[in-house]
Protein backbone atom coordinates (compact mmCIF):
# COMPACT_ATOMS: atom_id res chain seq x y z
CA MET A 1 0.00 0.00 0.00
CA THR A 2 1.26 3.49 -0.79
CA HIS A 3 1.11 6.36 1.67
CA THR A 4 0.31 9.99 1.00
CA VAL A 5 3.51 11.89 1.78
CA ASP A 6 4.71 15.42 1.10
CA THR A 7 8.37 14.59 0.69
CA GLY A 8 10.69 11.60 0.69
CA CYS A 9 9.82 8.14 -0.60
CA LEU A 10 6.30 7.98 -2.08
CA ILE A 11 5.92 4.44 -0.78
CA CYS A 12 7.08 4.65 2.83
CA GLY A 13 7.88 8.32 3.42
CA GLN A 14 11.52 7.80 4.42
CA GLU A 15 14.08 10.44 3.42
CA LEU A 16 15.70 9.65 0.08
CA THR A 17 19.46 9.42 -0.26
CA TYR A 18 21.43 10.39 -3.33
CA ALA A 19 24.58 8.72 -4.66
CA GLN A 20 27.12 10.18 -7.06
CA SER A 21 26.78 7.22 -9.42
CA ALA A 22 23.55 5.75 -10.79
CA ARG A 23 22.51 2.15 -10.15
CA ALA A 24 19.98 -0.15 -11.80
CA VAL A 25 16.54 0.09 -10.18
CA THR A 26 12.99 -1.09 -10.81
CA CYS A 27 9.91 1.06 -10.26
CA VAL A 28 7.71 -0.54 -7.60
CA LEU A 29 4.58 0.94 -9.23
CA CYS A 30 4.95 0.17 -12.94
CA GLY A 31 7.89 -2.24 -13.07
CA SER A 32 9.98 -0.15 -15.48
CA ARG A 33 13.74 -0.43 -15.13
CA ALA A 34 16.07 2.55 -15.05
CA MET A 35 19.33 3.91 -13.74
CA SER A 36 18.98 6.30 -10.82
CA THR A 37 21.08 8.05 -8.21
CA ALA A 38 18.10 8.32 -5.81
CA ALA A 39 17.37 5.57 -3.31
CA CYS A 40 15.05 4.85 -0.42
CA PRO A 41 16.65 3.14 2.61
CA SER A 42 14.05 0.36 2.23
CA GLY A 43 14.87 -0.13 -1.45
CA HIS A 44 11.79 1.49 -2.98
CA TYR A 45 12.12 3.29 -6.31
CA VAL A 46 9.36 5.24 -8.10
CA CYS A 47 10.12 6.38 -11.67
CA ASP A 48 9.63 9.98 -12.76
CA ALA A 49 6.57 9.11 -14.83
CA CYS A 50 4.77 7.52 -11.87
CA HIS A 51 5.97 10.23 -9.47
CA ALA A 52 4.60 13.07 -11.59
CA ALA A 53 1.64 11.38 -13.30
CA ARG A 54 -1.21 12.73 -11.18
CA GLY A 55 0.43 16.11 -10.72
CA VAL A 56 0.95 16.85 -14.41
CA ASP A 57 -2.66 15.90 -15.16
CA VAL A 58 -3.85 18.44 -12.59
CA ILE A 59 -1.50 21.11 -13.97
CA GLU A 60 -2.68 20.61 -17.54
CA ARG A 61 -6.38 20.59 -16.64
CA LEU A 62 -6.27 23.63 -14.37
CA CYS A 63 -4.17 25.69 -16.78
CA ALA A 64 -6.38 24.80 -19.73
CA ALA A 65 -9.44 26.09 -17.85
CA SER A 66 -7.80 29.12 -16.24
CA SER A 67 -8.29 32.72 -17.38
CA SER A 68 -5.49 34.00 -15.12
CA THR A 69 -2.84 36.36 -16.44
CA ASP A 70 -0.71 35.98 -13.29
CA PRO A 71 1.74 33.04 -13.52
CA VAL A 72 2.82 33.39 -9.89
CA ALA A 73 -0.74 33.27 -8.54
CA LEU A 74 -1.49 30.30 -10.79
CA ALA A 75 1.64 28.48 -9.59
CA THR A 76 0.65 29.16 -5.96
CA GLU A 77 -2.81 27.76 -6.57
CA LEU A 78 -1.40 24.64 -8.22
CA MET A 79 1.16 24.02 -5.48
CA ARG A 80 -1.66 23.94 -2.92
CA SER A 81 -3.03 20.83 -4.63
CA PRO A 82 -2.33 17.55 -2.82
CA ALA A 83 -1.46 16.13 -6.24
CA ILE A 84 1.69 18.29 -6.34
CA ALA A 85 4.39 16.83 -4.10
CA MET A 86 6.70 19.03 -2.06
CA HIS A 87 9.49 18.17 -4.48
CA GLY A 88 9.25 16.44 -7.83
CA PRO A 89 9.66 16.65 -11.60
CA GLU A 90 6.09 17.90 -12.03
CA HIS A 91 7.45 21.35 -11.15
CA HIS A 92 9.43 21.39 -14.40
CA TYR A 93 6.14 21.27 -16.29
CA LEU A 94 4.38 23.56 -13.81
CA VAL A 95 6.73 26.46 -14.55
CA ALA A 96 6.30 26.20 -18.31
CA ALA A 97 2.54 25.64 -18.04
CA VAL A 98 1.72 28.65 -15.86
CA LEU A 99 3.85 30.97 -18.00
CA LEU A 100 2.23 29.75 -21.22
CA THR A 101 -1.23 30.04 -19.69
CA ALA A 102 -0.72 33.56 -18.36
CA LEU A 103 0.83 34.85 -21.58
CA ASP A 104 -1.69 33.20 -23.91
CA ASN A 105 -4.52 34.62 -21.79
CA ALA A 106 -2.94 38.09 -21.65
CA GLN A 107 -2.46 38.18 -25.41
CA GLY A 108 -5.98 36.99 -26.17
CA GLN A 109 -4.72 33.71 -27.61
CA ARG A 110 -6.54 31.21 -25.43
CA GLU A 111 -7.07 28.97 -28.44
CA ARG A 112 -3.30 28.29 -28.37
CA LYS A 113 -3.34 26.88 -24.86
CA PRO A 114 -4.29 23.23 -25.44
CA ALA A 115 -1.52 22.72 -27.99
CA ASP A 116 1.00 24.79 -26.02
CA LEU A 117 0.31 22.91 -22.79
CA ALA A 118 0.51 19.51 -24.47
CA GLU A 119 3.83 20.37 -26.10
CA ALA A 120 5.25 21.75 -22.84
CA ARG A 121 4.23 18.55 -21.06
CA ARG A 122 5.98 16.46 -23.70
CA ARG A 123 9.20 18.48 -23.44
CA ALA A 124 9.20 18.75 -19.65
CA ALA A 125 8.90 14.97 -19.31
CA LYS A 126 12.45 14.74 -20.68
CA VAL A 127 13.83 16.81 -17.77
CA LEU A 128 14.55 14.16 -15.16
CA GLY A 129 13.91 14.42 -11.45
CA GLY A 130 16.99 15.54 -9.54
CA PHE A 131 18.36 17.40 -12.59
CA CYS A 132 19.38 20.28 -10.31
CA GLY A 133 21.89 18.10 -8.49
CA THR A 134 22.95 15.61 -11.15
CA HIS A 135 23.16 17.95 -14.15
CA GLY A 136 23.64 21.37 -12.60
CA SER A 137 20.49 22.60 -14.33
CA CYS A 138 17.39 23.01 -12.18
CA GLY A 139 14.34 21.78 -14.06
CA ALA A 140 12.33 24.83 -12.97
CA ALA A 141 14.78 27.01 -14.90
CA VAL A 142 14.65 24.68 -17.89
CA GLY A 143 10.88 25.10 -17.73
CA THR A 144 11.27 28.81 -18.48
CA GLY A 145 13.23 27.97 -21.63
CA ILE A 146 10.59 25.44 -22.67
CA PHE A 147 7.96 28.15 -22.26
CA TRP A 148 9.73 30.75 -24.39
CA SER A 149 10.79 28.26 -27.06
CA ILE A 150 7.16 27.21 -27.51
CA THR A 151 5.89 30.79 -27.45
CA THR A 152 8.32 31.94 -30.13
CA GLY A 153 8.49 28.71 -32.14
CA ALA A 154 12.23 28.48 -31.54
CA THR A 155 14.23 25.61 -33.03
CA PRO A 156 17.97 24.84 -32.98
CA LEU A 157 18.21 26.83 -36.25
CA SER A 158 16.44 29.95 -34.97
CA GLU A 159 18.26 33.26 -34.52
CA GLY A 160 16.85 35.83 -32.08
CA CYS A 161 14.44 33.60 -30.17
CA TRP A 162 17.12 30.90 -29.81
CA GLY A 163 19.22 33.32 -27.80
CA GLN A 164 16.22 34.61 -25.87
CA SER A 165 15.20 31.11 -24.78
CA ASN A 166 18.69 30.36 -23.56
CA ARG A 167 18.93 33.74 -21.84
CA ILE A 168 15.71 33.20 -19.89
CA THR A 169 16.97 29.81 -18.74
CA ALA A 170 20.37 31.28 -17.83
CA ARG A 171 18.86 34.08 -15.76
CA ALA A 172 16.64 31.63 -13.90
CA LEU A 173 19.55 29.28 -13.25
CA PHE A 174 21.73 32.11 -11.98
CA SER A 175 19.06 33.28 -9.54
CA ILE A 176 18.49 29.74 -8.29
CA ALA A 177 22.25 29.21 -7.90
CA GLU A 178 22.69 32.48 -6.01
CA HIS A 179 20.25 31.33 -3.34
CA GLY A 180 22.09 28.04 -2.86
CA GLY A 181 21.08 24.54 -1.89
CA PRO A 182 19.70 22.18 -0.92
CA ARG A 183 16.97 22.22 -3.51
CA CYS A 184 13.45 23.40 -2.83
CA CYS A 185 11.05 22.96 -5.74
CA LYS A 186 8.76 25.70 -4.39
CA ARG A 187 11.54 28.28 -3.95
CA ASP A 188 13.13 27.42 -7.28
CA THR A 189 9.76 27.65 -9.05
CA TYR A 190 9.16 31.17 -7.71
CA LEU A 191 12.70 32.28 -8.56
CA ALA A 192 12.41 30.93 -12.10
CA LEU A 193 9.04 32.60 -12.63
CA ALA A 194 10.35 35.98 -11.46
CA GLU A 195 13.22 35.89 -13.94
CA ALA A 196 11.01 34.71 -16.79
CA VAL A 197 8.50 37.50 -16.22
CA ALA A 198 11.28 40.11 -16.16
CA GLU A 199 12.86 38.77 -19.34
CA VAL A 200 9.62 38.50 -21.30
CA GLU A 201 8.83 42.11 -20.44
CA THR A 202 12.12 43.13 -22.09
CA PHE A 203 11.38 41.03 -25.18
CA THR A 204 7.69 42.02 -25.38
CA PRO A 205 7.24 45.46 -23.77
CA GLY A 206 3.75 46.25 -22.57
CA VAL A 207 2.54 42.65 -22.30
CA ALA A 208 -0.69 42.78 -20.28
CA TRP A 209 0.07 40.19 -17.63
CA THR A 210 0.76 40.53 -13.92
CA ALA A 211 2.96 38.78 -11.37
CA SER A 212 1.94 38.81 -7.73
CA THR A 213 4.48 38.67 -4.89
CA PRO A 214 4.89 35.06 -3.71
CA ARG A 215 4.86 34.03 -0.07
CA CYS A 216 5.81 30.46 0.79
CA GLU A 217 3.07 28.27 2.25
CA HIS A 218 5.16 25.09 2.41
CA SER A 219 8.01 25.69 4.88
CA GLU A 220 6.73 23.17 7.41
CA ARG A 221 6.54 20.48 4.73
CA ASN A 222 10.13 20.91 3.58
CA ARG A 223 12.69 19.03 5.64
CA GLN A 224 15.52 21.04 4.09
CA CYS A 225 13.88 24.47 4.26
CA LEU A 226 16.39 27.35 4.36
CA GLY A 227 14.12 29.22 6.74
CA GLU A 228 14.71 32.96 6.86
CA ARG A 229 17.48 32.62 4.25
CA CYS A 230 14.76 31.97 1.68
CA PRO A 231 13.31 35.21 0.23
CA PHE A 232 9.81 33.73 0.25
CA HIS A 233 9.83 32.53 3.87
CA ALA A 234 7.40 34.34 6.16
CA GLY A 235 10.19 35.20 8.62
CA ALA A 236 12.36 36.68 5.88
CA ARG A 237 9.55 38.86 4.62
CA ALA A 238 8.76 40.11 8.12
CA LYS A 239 12.23 41.67 8.52
């Protein structure tokens, strides 16, 4: 039987450990085999697809129905859902999805959303869980590049939008790196969104979207919370 947990192993709730080298593992939910650096002390392994499956469905459905032009508020609403774990690869899709939704709505292009969201989901699925630690590229930041590449139709042969997509990702990565580890998918999501909004407003001046000021609602769920060192922590904002 699986247990509902906010962090750690999805099967038993124990804290995951991470090795420097990957080992062969088998997903206890679907039976797929993979190589992974993550491990549960009891030997459980849940693949990225099973880990994120319910969460990405919720993200796609809510964004498709939303009329919001505020990606931060939309991300906050989504992260309140019990389908979104404290940490997990669903955040890579969440970042791209809320940005696409807010911009499509702001530009009066709601008819684009279904195709945009489906394509973002496909691309984000290739950004593995733990990318921040194993590849030095937080998936939340990569999500900003996915967003802008879809919005502009960028390909490897593009000119201006190729550079813009990489610049958005770079700015998000730099901000995430400046705040340091260990990872927090909520903090990194908010940091990535802030940089994406700022960059898009330089590329597309006067875009009619908004970005509310985030305030973390998940500190007590995060075993590695930075506390007042996080800019979104209630204590930090009170100073």
